[in-house]
Amino acid sequence: MRLVWQLLAVITIAFIGGQGIAAVDGKPWLTFGVGLLTAVLSVFVYRWVVGRTERRPVTEMAWEGAGPAFGRGTLIGLALFAAVMTNLFASGYYDVDGLGSGTGAVGFIGFMAAAAVTEEVMYRGVLFRIIEQRTGTWTALALTSVLFGASHLFNPNASVLGAAAIAVEAGGMLTGAYIATRNLWVPMGLHFGWNFAAAGIFSTVVSGNGASEGLLDATTSGPTLITGGEFGPEGSVYSVLFGVLVTTVFLWLARRRGHLVPRRRADRADAITKLSR
C-alpha cells in the first residue's frame, strides 16, 4: 500500500500545481510563483508521505547538501541541452534572430521547476525506488524509463519516435543520476536544467508542447531525425546520443560506488536507499 499512498500524495500535488499554472497562463510572474510553490510542496509532501509509510529517514531527499546537489544537476542539464543546440546550430538547423523575452524566461523557471520536481518524485522517488527493491536495478530502470517515455505520448504534437527518445535519453539519464548519487536532488536539478534550457533559453518546442518564448528569438527547422520535428529537440538524434553517453557515465559511477541492486534483493535495496552521496 505504500506505493499507492505515495503515488496518490505526489500526483495530487502535481495535479493541483498543474491546474494552478494553467490558471495563470500568460502571466509569467504568477507562473514563476505558482511553479516554485508547487515544487516546494512536492518536496515536503514526498518527505512526509515516505517518512510516514516507510518509517525511516528520507535520506534520498535529505536537506544536507541539497543546494549543491541540485545546482550540480542543473549545470549538467544546461550544458547537455546547450551541446544539443550547438550541434543543431552548426548543422544549420537552428537560427537565432536576436533576443527574445526575458520575462517569458522568468515564467519558465517556475513552470519547469514544478515539472521537474513533480516528475522526479513520482518516477524516480516512488516508482523506480520501490520497483527496484523488488526487481533489481536493471529491470526497474527499463520499466520506469519506458513508462516515463510513454507518458509523453499524451502531449500535443507527440510522436512514438519522440516518446522513445525520451525513454532512452531522459528516462535512462535521470534514473542513472539517481542510481549514481542515491539522492533525488541531482536528477531534479538535471531535469530542471534541461527543460529550462529548452524553453527558457533556446525557445524550442518542449516534448511536443509548442514553441516557447525564452531568452532567444530563434527557430528550428530541418529533418525530423536531426531536429526532432514538431516534438522538439528532445526527439533529436543528438539528444539521444548525449543522453546515452551521460547515462553510461552515471551507471559506471553507480557500479563503482556499489549502488546497483541485484534482482530480488529487497534487503540490499533498502540499505542502498539509505545512502546519500
C-alpha atoms as a PDB file:
ATOM      1  CA  MET A   1       0.000   0.000   0.000  1.00  0.00           C
ATOM      2  CA  ARG A   2       2.936   2.374   0.425  1.00  0.00           C
ATOM      3  CA  LEU A   3       3.206   2.603  -3.375  1.00  0.00           C
ATOM      4  CA  VAL A   4      -0.456   3.589  -3.599  1.00  0.00           C
ATOM      5  CA  TRP A   5      -0.298   6.183  -0.820  1.00  0.00           C
ATOM      6  CA  GLN A   6       2.928   7.706  -2.081  1.00  0.00           C
ATOM      7  CA  LEU A   7       1.664   7.963  -5.647  1.00  0.00           C
ATOM      8  CA  LEU A   8      -1.632   9.453  -4.517  1.00  0.00           C
ATOM      9  CA  ALA A   9       0.172  12.099  -2.482  1.00  0.00           C
ATOM     10  CA  VAL A  10       2.617  13.223  -5.171  1.00  0.00           C
ATOM     11  CA  ILE A  11       0.077  13.007  -8.010  1.00  0.00           C
ATOM     12  CA  THR A  12      -2.342  15.161  -6.033  1.00  0.00           C
ATOM     13  CA  ILE A  13       0.241  17.916  -5.648  1.00  0.00           C
ATOM     14  CA  ALA A  14       1.218  17.620  -9.327  1.00  0.00           C
ATOM     15  CA  PHE A  15      -2.440  17.904 -10.379  1.00  0.00           C
ATOM     16  CA  ILE A  16      -3.198  20.887  -8.147  1.00  0.00           C
ATOM     17  CA  GLY A  17       0.006  22.613  -9.239  1.00  0.00           C
ATOM     18  CA  GLY A  18      -0.766  21.935 -12.881  1.00  0.00           C
ATOM     19  CA  GLN A  19      -4.224  23.449 -12.514  1.00  0.00           C
ATOM     20  CA  GLY A  20      -2.738  26.479 -10.791  1.00  0.00           C
ATOM     21  CA  ILE A  21      -0.186  27.032 -13.532  1.00  0.00           C
ATOM     22  CA  ALA A  22      -2.877  26.647 -16.192  1.00  0.00           C
ATOM     23  CA  ALA A  23      -4.993  29.259 -14.390  1.00  0.00           C
ATOM     24  CA  VAL A  24      -2.204  31.859 -14.616  1.00  0.00           C
ATOM     25  CA  ASP A  25      -1.181  31.006 -18.169  1.00  0.00           C
ATOM     26  CA  GLY A  26       0.207  34.070 -19.919  1.00  0.00           C
ATOM     27  CA  LYS A  27       1.253  35.736 -16.668  1.00  0.00           C
ATOM     28  CA  PRO A  28       4.991  34.964 -16.293  1.00  0.00           C
ATOM     29  CA  TRP A  29       5.488  36.282 -12.774  1.00  0.00           C
ATOM     30  CA  LEU A  30       2.465  34.413 -11.422  1.00  0.00           C
ATOM     31  CA  THR A  31       3.632  31.276 -13.255  1.00  0.00           C
ATOM     32  CA  PHE A  32       7.007  31.717 -11.602  1.00  0.00           C
ATOM     33  CA  GLY A  33       5.430  31.904  -8.144  1.00  0.00           C
ATOM     34  CA  VAL A  34       2.906  29.090  -8.589  1.00  0.00           C
ATOM     35  CA  GLY A  35       5.533  26.843 -10.156  1.00  0.00           C
ATOM     36  CA  LEU A  36       8.037  27.333  -7.351  1.00  0.00           C
ATOM     37  CA  LEU A  37       5.314  26.786  -4.746  1.00  0.00           C
ATOM     38  CA  THR A  38       4.337  23.529  -6.456  1.00  0.00           C
ATOM     39  CA  ALA A  39       7.954  22.358  -6.485  1.00  0.00           C
ATOM     40  CA  VAL A  40       8.451  23.162  -2.795  1.00  0.00           C
ATOM     41  CA  LEU A  41       5.192  21.476  -1.780  1.00  0.00           C
ATOM     42  CA  SER A  42       6.139  18.381  -3.776  1.00  0.00           C
ATOM     43  CA  VAL A  43       9.358  18.064  -1.803  1.00  0.00           C
ATOM     44  CA  PHE A  44       7.656  18.421   1.567  1.00  0.00           C
ATOM     45  CA  VAL A  45       4.783  16.081   0.668  1.00  0.00           C
ATOM     46  CA  TYR A  46       7.203  13.436  -0.605  1.00  0.00           C
ATOM     47  CA  ARG A  47       9.275  13.611   2.559  1.00  0.00           C
ATOM     48  CA  TRP A  48       6.134  13.421   4.701  1.00  0.00           C
ATOM     49  CA  VAL A  49       4.406  10.519   2.925  1.00  0.00           C
ATOM     50  CA  VAL A  50       7.567   8.416   2.576  1.00  0.00           C
ATOM     51  CA  GLY A  51       8.501   9.013   6.206  1.00  0.00           C
ATOM     52  CA  ARG A  52       5.006   8.022   7.358  1.00  0.00           C
ATOM     53  CA  THR A  53       4.603   4.934   5.145  1.00  0.00           C
ATOM     54  CA  GLU A  54       8.157   3.577   5.415  1.00  0.00           C
ATOM     55  CA  ARG A  55       9.042   4.789   8.908  1.00  0.00           C
ATOM     56  CA  ARG A  56      12.613   5.787   8.072  1.00  0.00           C
ATOM     57  CA  PRO A  57      14.670   8.927   7.497  1.00  0.00           C
ATOM     58  CA  VAL A  58      14.076  10.092   3.930  1.00  0.00           C
ATOM     59  CA  THR A  59      17.770  10.164   3.073  1.00  0.00           C
ATOM     60  CA  GLU A  60      17.232  10.327  -0.680  1.00  0.00           C
ATOM     61  CA  MET A  61      15.886  13.846  -0.102  1.00  0.00           C
ATOM     62  CA  ALA A  62      17.999  14.925   2.861  1.00  0.00           C
ATOM     63  CA  TRP A  63      18.351  18.661   3.401  1.00  0.00           C
ATOM     64  CA  GLU A  64      22.099  18.421   3.930  1.00  0.00           C
ATOM     65  CA  GLY A  65      23.884  19.136   0.655  1.00  0.00           C
ATOM     66  CA  ALA A  66      20.589  19.690  -1.196  1.00  0.00           C
ATOM     67  CA  GLY A  67      21.566  23.042  -2.709  1.00  0.00           C
ATOM     68  CA  PRO A  68      24.917  21.973  -4.173  1.00  0.00           C
ATOM     69  CA  ALA A  69      23.428  18.704  -5.455  1.00  0.00           C
ATOM     70  CA  PHE A  70      20.546  20.486  -7.180  1.00  0.00           C
ATOM     71  CA  GLY A  71      22.991  23.041  -8.561  1.00  0.00           C
ATOM     72  CA  ARG A  72      25.278  20.354  -9.999  1.00  0.00           C
ATOM     73  CA  GLY A  73      22.357  18.669 -11.672  1.00  0.00           C
ATOM     74  CA  THR A  74      21.126  21.970 -13.105  1.00  0.00           C
ATOM     75  CA  LEU A  75      24.528  22.771 -14.602  1.00  0.00           C
ATOM     76  CA  ILE A  76      24.730  19.321 -16.204  1.00  0.00           C
ATOM     77  CA  GLY A  77      21.252  19.747 -17.694  1.00  0.00           C
ATOM     78  CA  LEU A  78      22.011  23.205 -19.048  1.00  0.00           C
ATOM     79  CA  ALA A  79      25.316  22.059 -20.552  1.00  0.00           C
ATOM     80  CA  LEU A  80      23.776  18.978 -22.162  1.00  0.00           C
ATOM     81  CA  PHE A  81      20.959  20.826 -23.877  1.00  0.00           C
ATOM     82  CA  ALA A  82      23.376  23.563 -24.944  1.00  0.00           C
ATOM     83  CA  ALA A  83      25.515  20.842 -26.557  1.00  0.00           C
ATOM     84  CA  VAL A  84      22.473  19.563 -28.461  1.00  0.00           C
ATOM     85  CA  MET A  85      21.592  23.042 -29.706  1.00  0.00           C
ATOM     86  CA  THR A  86      25.205  23.817 -30.614  1.00  0.00           C
ATOM     87  CA  ASN A  87      25.192  20.790 -32.898  1.00  0.00           C
ATOM     88  CA  LEU A  88      21.886  21.859 -34.453  1.00  0.00           C
ATOM     89  CA  PHE A  89      23.232  25.393 -34.942  1.00  0.00           C
ATOM     90  CA  ALA A  90      26.441  24.109 -36.527  1.00  0.00           C
ATOM     91  CA  SER A  91      24.369  21.880 -38.831  1.00  0.00           C
ATOM     92  CA  GLY A  92      22.306  24.863 -39.976  1.00  0.00           C
ATOM     93  CA  TYR A  93      19.045  23.688 -38.420  1.00  0.00           C
ATOM     94  CA  TYR A  94      18.807  26.290 -35.642  1.00  0.00           C
ATOM     95  CA  ASP A  95      18.738  30.007 -36.413  1.00  0.00           C
ATOM     96  CA  VAL A  96      18.956  32.839 -33.877  1.00  0.00           C
ATOM     97  CA  ASP A  97      17.356  36.119 -34.967  1.00  0.00           C
ATOM     98  CA  GLY A  98      18.078  38.068 -31.773  1.00  0.00           C
ATOM     99  CA  LEU A  99      16.927  38.345 -28.204  1.00  0.00           C
ATOM    100  CA  GLY A 100      13.548  37.073 -27.096  1.00  0.00           C
ATOM    101  CA  SER A 101      11.631  37.606 -23.865  1.00  0.00           C
ATOM    102  CA  GLY A 102      13.380  37.903 -20.525  1.00  0.00           C
ATOM    103  CA  THR A 103      10.033  37.971 -18.740  1.00  0.00           C
ATOM    104  CA  GLY A 104       8.981  34.812 -20.530  1.00  0.00           C
ATOM    105  CA  ALA A 105      12.148  33.116 -19.306  1.00  0.00           C
ATOM    106  CA  VAL A 106      11.233  34.024 -15.718  1.00  0.00           C
ATOM    107  CA  GLY A 107       7.913  32.251 -16.108  1.00  0.00           C
ATOM    108  CA  PHE A 108       9.663  29.170 -17.403  1.00  0.00           C
ATOM    109  CA  ILE A 109      11.788  28.992 -14.248  1.00  0.00           C
ATOM    110  CA  GLY A 110       8.667  28.331 -12.197  1.00  0.00           C
ATOM    111  CA  PHE A 111       6.966  26.170 -14.793  1.00  0.00           C
ATOM    112  CA  MET A 112       9.962  23.919 -15.332  1.00  0.00           C
ATOM    113  CA  ALA A 113      10.791  23.715 -11.618  1.00  0.00           C
ATOM    114  CA  ALA A 114       7.287  22.379 -10.985  1.00  0.00           C
ATOM    115  CA  ALA A 115       7.504  19.904 -13.858  1.00  0.00           C
ATOM    116  CA  ALA A 116      10.980  18.666 -12.911  1.00  0.00           C
ATOM    117  CA  VAL A 117      10.318  18.180  -9.202  1.00  0.00           C
ATOM    118  CA  THR A 118       6.865  16.594  -9.509  1.00  0.00           C
ATOM    119  CA  GLU A 119       8.014  14.172 -12.205  1.00  0.00           C
ATOM    120  CA  GLU A 120      11.183  13.204 -10.360  1.00  0.00           C
ATOM    121  CA  VAL A 121       9.464  12.467  -7.053  1.00  0.00           C
ATOM    122  CA  MET A 122       6.884  10.430  -8.958  1.00  0.00           C
ATOM    123  CA  TYR A 123       9.090   8.444 -11.344  1.00  0.00           C
ATOM    124  CA  ARG A 124      12.412   8.195  -9.530  1.00  0.00           C
ATOM    125  CA  GLY A 125      11.380   8.799  -5.918  1.00  0.00           C
ATOM    126  CA  VAL A 126       8.356   6.499  -5.830  1.00  0.00           C
ATOM    127  CA  LEU A 127       8.121   4.218  -8.871  1.00  0.00           C
ATOM    128  CA  PHE A 128      11.767   3.422  -9.592  1.00  0.00           C
ATOM    129  CA  ARG A 129      12.810   3.173  -5.961  1.00  0.00           C
ATOM    130  CA  ILE A 130      10.047   0.778  -4.953  1.00  0.00           C
ATOM    131  CA  ILE A 131      10.185  -1.333  -8.123  1.00  0.00           C
ATOM    132  CA  GLU A 132      13.965  -1.605  -7.747  1.00  0.00           C
ATOM    133  CA  GLN A 133      13.535  -3.112  -4.290  1.00  0.00           C
ATOM    134  CA  ARG A 134      11.507  -5.939  -5.854  1.00  0.00           C
ATOM    135  CA  THR A 135      13.160  -6.500  -9.223  1.00  0.00           C
ATOM    136  CA  GLY A 136      16.680  -5.056  -9.032  1.00  0.00           C
ATOM    137  CA  THR A 137      18.198  -2.026 -10.736  1.00  0.00           C
ATOM    138  CA  TRP A 138      18.165  -3.088 -14.373  1.00  0.00           C
ATOM    139  CA  THR A 139      14.551  -4.227 -14.583  1.00  0.00           C
ATOM    140  CA  ALA A 140      13.340  -1.173 -12.678  1.00  0.00           C
ATOM    141  CA  LEU A 141      15.418   1.094 -14.935  1.00  0.00           C
ATOM    142  CA  ALA A 142      13.908  -0.435 -18.078  1.00  0.00           C
ATOM    143  CA  LEU A 143      10.314  -0.432 -16.811  1.00  0.00           C
ATOM    144  CA  THR A 144      10.257   3.118 -15.470  1.00  0.00           C
ATOM    145  CA  SER A 145      12.110   4.521 -18.495  1.00  0.00           C
ATOM    146  CA  VAL A 146       9.509   3.043 -20.844  1.00  0.00           C
ATOM    147  CA  LEU A 147       6.704   4.364 -18.632  1.00  0.00           C
ATOM    148  CA  PHE A 148       8.305   7.814 -18.492  1.00  0.00           C
ATOM    149  CA  GLY A 149       8.624   7.920 -22.274  1.00  0.00           C
ATOM    150  CA  ALA A 150       5.066   6.657 -22.799  1.00  0.00           C
ATOM    151  CA  SER A 151       3.665   9.374 -20.529  1.00  0.00           C
ATOM    152  CA  HIS A 152       4.827  11.956 -23.085  1.00  0.00           C
ATOM    153  CA  LEU A 153       2.559  10.439 -25.751  1.00  0.00           C
ATOM    154  CA  PHE A 154      -0.281  12.479 -24.258  1.00  0.00           C
ATOM    155  CA  ASN A 155       1.445  15.771 -25.093  1.00  0.00           C
ATOM    156  CA  PRO A 156       0.393  17.883 -28.091  1.00  0.00           C
ATOM    157  CA  ASN A 157       2.371  17.023 -31.242  1.00  0.00           C
ATOM    158  CA  ALA A 158       3.625  13.858 -29.548  1.00  0.00           C
ATOM    159  CA  SER A 159       5.053  11.021 -31.599  1.00  0.00           C
ATOM    160  CA  VAL A 160       6.138   7.467 -30.956  1.00  0.00           C
ATOM    161  CA  LEU A 161       9.656   8.422 -32.059  1.00  0.00           C
ATOM    162  CA  GLY A 162       9.718  11.329 -29.615  1.00  0.00           C
ATOM    163  CA  ALA A 163       8.408   9.217 -26.737  1.00  0.00           C
ATOM    164  CA  ALA A 164      11.002   6.543 -27.493  1.00  0.00           C
ATOM    165  CA  ALA A 165      13.723   9.192 -27.471  1.00  0.00           C
ATOM    166  CA  ILE A 166      12.503  10.464 -24.080  1.00  0.00           C
ATOM    167  CA  ALA A 167      12.510   6.913 -22.696  1.00  0.00           C
ATOM    168  CA  VAL A 168      16.123   6.354 -23.776  1.00  0.00           C
ATOM    169  CA  GLU A 169      17.726   9.742 -23.166  1.00  0.00           C
ATOM    170  CA  ALA A 170      15.723  11.150 -20.244  1.00  0.00           C
ATOM    171  CA  GLY A 171      14.415   8.006 -18.587  1.00  0.00           C
ATOM    172  CA  GLY A 172      17.871   6.472 -18.603  1.00  0.00           C
ATOM    173  CA  MET A 173      19.799   9.637 -17.784  1.00  0.00           C
ATOM    174  CA  LEU A 174      17.598  10.840 -14.921  1.00  0.00           C
ATOM    175  CA  THR A 175      17.312   7.398 -13.383  1.00  0.00           C
ATOM    176  CA  GLY A 176      21.052   6.931 -13.813  1.00  0.00           C
ATOM    177  CA  ALA A 177      21.624  10.183 -11.921  1.00  0.00           C
ATOM    178  CA  TYR A 178      19.536   8.861  -9.043  1.00  0.00           C
ATOM    179  CA  ILE A 179      21.273   5.470  -9.005  1.00  0.00           C
ATOM    180  CA  ALA A 180      24.730   7.057  -9.034  1.00  0.00           C
ATOM    181  CA  THR A 181      24.001   9.506  -6.227  1.00  0.00           C
ATOM    182  CA  ARG A 182      21.112   7.831  -4.366  1.00  0.00           C
ATOM    183  CA  ASN A 183      19.513  11.234  -3.884  1.00  0.00           C
ATOM    184  CA  LEU A 184      16.745  12.996  -5.778  1.00  0.00           C
ATOM    185  CA  TRP A 185      18.302  16.453  -5.791  1.00  0.00           C
ATOM    186  CA  VAL A 186      20.700  15.734  -8.663  1.00  0.00           C
ATOM    187  CA  PRO A 187      18.075  14.305 -11.075  1.00  0.00           C
ATOM    188  CA  MET A 188      15.658  17.101 -10.136  1.00  0.00           C
ATOM    189  CA  GLY A 189      18.328  19.676 -10.968  1.00  0.00           C
ATOM    190  CA  LEU A 190      19.298  17.858 -14.166  1.00  0.00           C
ATOM    191  CA  HIS A 191      15.660  17.681 -15.258  1.00  0.00           C
ATOM    192  CA  PHE A 192      15.125  21.357 -14.464  1.00  0.00           C
ATOM    193  CA  GLY A 193      18.318  22.498 -16.207  1.00  0.00           C
ATOM    194  CA  TRP A 194      17.497  20.531 -19.368  1.00  0.00           C
ATOM    195  CA  ASN A 195      13.888  21.745 -19.570  1.00  0.00           C
ATOM    196  CA  PHE A 196      14.678  25.353 -18.711  1.00  0.00           C
ATOM    197  CA  ALA A 197      17.427  25.469 -21.324  1.00  0.00           C
ATOM    198  CA  ALA A 198      14.994  24.120 -23.931  1.00  0.00           C
ATOM    199  CA  ALA A 199      12.195  26.590 -23.218  1.00  0.00           C
ATOM    200  CA  GLY A 200      13.661  29.459 -21.229  1.00  0.00           C
ATOM    201  CA  ILE A 201      16.921  29.941 -23.120  1.00  0.00           C
ATOM    202  CA  PHE A 202      16.755  28.401 -26.605  1.00  0.00           C
ATOM    203  CA  SER A 203      12.995  28.926 -27.122  1.00  0.00           C
ATOM    204  CA  THR A 204      12.349  25.484 -28.579  1.00  0.00           C
ATOM    205  CA  VAL A 205       9.408  23.094 -28.512  1.00  0.00           C
ATOM    206  CA  VAL A 206       9.499  21.015 -25.312  1.00  0.00           C
ATOM    207  CA  SER A 207       8.228  17.434 -25.645  1.00  0.00           C
ATOM    208  CA  GLY A 208       5.693  18.483 -28.288  1.00  0.00           C
ATOM    209  CA  ASN A 209       4.250  21.344 -26.221  1.00  0.00           C
ATOM    210  CA  GLY A 210       4.670  24.108 -28.782  1.00  0.00           C
ATOM    211  CA  ALA A 211       7.326  26.733 -29.400  1.00  0.00           C
ATOM    212  CA  SER A 212       8.462  28.690 -26.356  1.00  0.00           C
ATOM    213  CA  GLU A 213       9.358  32.370 -25.996  1.00  0.00           C
ATOM    214  CA  GLY A 214      12.565  32.386 -23.995  1.00  0.00           C
ATOM    215  CA  LEU A 215      15.725  34.454 -23.969  1.00  0.00           C
ATOM    216  CA  LEU A 216      16.487  33.860 -27.655  1.00  0.00           C
ATOM    217  CA  ASP A 217      14.308  34.665 -30.654  1.00  0.00           C
ATOM    218  CA  ALA A 218      15.081  31.573 -32.671  1.00  0.00           C
ATOM    219  CA  THR A 219      13.645  28.928 -34.992  1.00  0.00           C
ATOM    220  CA  THR A 220      14.423  25.270 -35.582  1.00  0.00           C
ATOM    221  CA  SER A 221      13.823  23.556 -38.918  1.00  0.00           C
ATOM    222  CA  GLY A 222      15.144  20.539 -40.748  1.00  0.00           C
ATOM    223  CA  PRO A 223      14.878  16.738 -40.893  1.00  0.00           C
ATOM    224  CA  THR A 224      12.832  15.232 -38.063  1.00  0.00           C
ATOM    225  CA  LEU A 225      15.561  12.731 -37.222  1.00  0.00           C
ATOM    226  CA  ILE A 226      18.017  15.578 -36.616  1.00  0.00           C
ATOM    227  CA  THR A 227      15.794  18.290 -35.151  1.00  0.00           C
ATOM    228  CA  GLY A 228      13.047  16.226 -33.535  1.00  0.00           C
ATOM    229  CA  GLY A 229      10.414  17.874 -35.755  1.00  0.00           C
ATOM    230  CA  GLU A 230       7.220  19.017 -34.030  1.00  0.00           C
ATOM    231  CA  PHE A 231       8.203  17.131 -30.874  1.00  0.00           C
ATOM    232  CA  GLY A 232      11.219  19.399 -30.425  1.00  0.00           C
ATOM    233  CA  PRO A 233      14.974  18.797 -29.993  1.00  0.00           C
ATOM    234  CA  GLU A 234      14.309  16.156 -27.316  1.00  0.00           C
ATOM    235  CA  GLY A 235      13.389  13.910 -30.230  1.00  0.00           C
ATOM    236  CA  SER A 236      16.675  14.673 -31.999  1.00  0.00           C
ATOM    237  CA  VAL A 237      19.308  12.028 -32.552  1.00  0.00           C
ATOM    238  CA  TYR A 238      21.743  14.427 -30.865  1.00  0.00           C
ATOM    239  CA  SER A 239      19.689  14.360 -27.662  1.00  0.00           C
ATOM    240  CA  VAL A 240      19.604  10.580 -27.708  1.00  0.00           C
ATOM    241  CA  LEU A 241      23.362  10.326 -28.244  1.00  0.00           C
ATOM    242  CA  PHE A 242      24.234  12.783 -25.468  1.00  0.00           C
ATOM    243  CA  GLY A 243      21.658  11.199 -23.172  1.00  0.00           C
ATOM    244  CA  VAL A 244      23.056   7.709 -23.682  1.00  0.00           C
ATOM    245  CA  LEU A 245      26.598   8.990 -23.111  1.00  0.00           C
ATOM    246  CA  VAL A 246      25.693  10.634 -19.794  1.00  0.00           C
ATOM    247  CA  THR A 247      23.598   7.631 -18.733  1.00  0.00           C
ATOM    248  CA  THR A 248      26.625   5.400 -19.298  1.00  0.00           C
ATOM    249  CA  VAL A 249      28.763   7.656 -17.112  1.00  0.00           C
ATOM    250  CA  PHE A 250      26.181   7.675 -14.314  1.00  0.00           C
ATOM    251  CA  LEU A 251      25.793   3.888 -14.382  1.00  0.00           C
ATOM    252  CA  TRP A 252      29.565   3.470 -14.360  1.00  0.00           C
ATOM    253  CA  LEU A 253      29.725   5.650 -11.258  1.00  0.00           C
ATOM    254  CA  ALA A 254      26.882   3.661  -9.697  1.00  0.00           C
ATOM    255  CA  ARG A 255      28.765   0.416 -10.297  1.00  0.00           C
ATOM    256  CA  ARG A 256      31.954   1.803  -8.764  1.00  0.00           C
ATOM    257  CA  ARG A 257      30.049   3.004  -5.703  1.00  0.00           C
ATOM    258  CA  GLY A 258      28.230  -0.292  -5.241  1.00  0.00           C
ATOM    259  CA  HIS A 259      24.813   1.246  -5.892  1.00  0.00           C
ATOM    260  CA  LEU A 260      23.488  -1.402  -8.300  1.00  0.00           C
ATOM    261  CA  VAL A 261      20.870  -3.664  -6.721  1.00  0.00           C
ATOM    262  CA  PRO A 262      20.797  -7.361  -7.742  1.00  0.00           C
ATOM    263  CA  ARG A 263      17.496  -8.877  -8.773  1.00  0.00           C
ATOM    264  CA  ARG A 264      15.178  -9.760  -5.884  1.00  0.00           C
ATOM    265  CA  ARG A 265      17.360  -8.371  -3.140  1.00  0.00           C
ATOM    266  CA  ALA A 266      14.999  -6.104  -1.240  1.00  0.00           C
ATOM    267  CA  ASP A 267      17.298  -6.017   1.774  1.00  0.00           C
ATOM    268  CA  ARG A 268      20.140  -4.723  -0.363  1.00  0.00           C
ATOM    269  CA  ALA A 269      17.858  -2.089  -1.947  1.00  0.00           C
ATOM    270  CA  ASP A 270      16.710  -0.856   1.427  1.00  0.00           C
ATOM    271  CA  ALA A 271      20.299  -0.488   2.552  1.00  0.00           C
ATOM    272  CA  ILE A 272      21.342   1.383  -0.570  1.00  0.00           C
ATOM    273  CA  THR A 273      18.329   3.716  -0.323  1.00  0.00           C
ATOM    274  CA  LYS A 274      19.792   4.988   2.932  1.00  0.00           C
ATOM    275  CA  LEU A 275      22.996   6.045   1.217  1.00  0.00           C
ATOM    276  CA  SER A 276      23.388   9.718   0.310  1.00  0.00           C
ATOM    277  CA  ARG A 277      26.295  10.994  -1.737  1.00  0.00           C
END
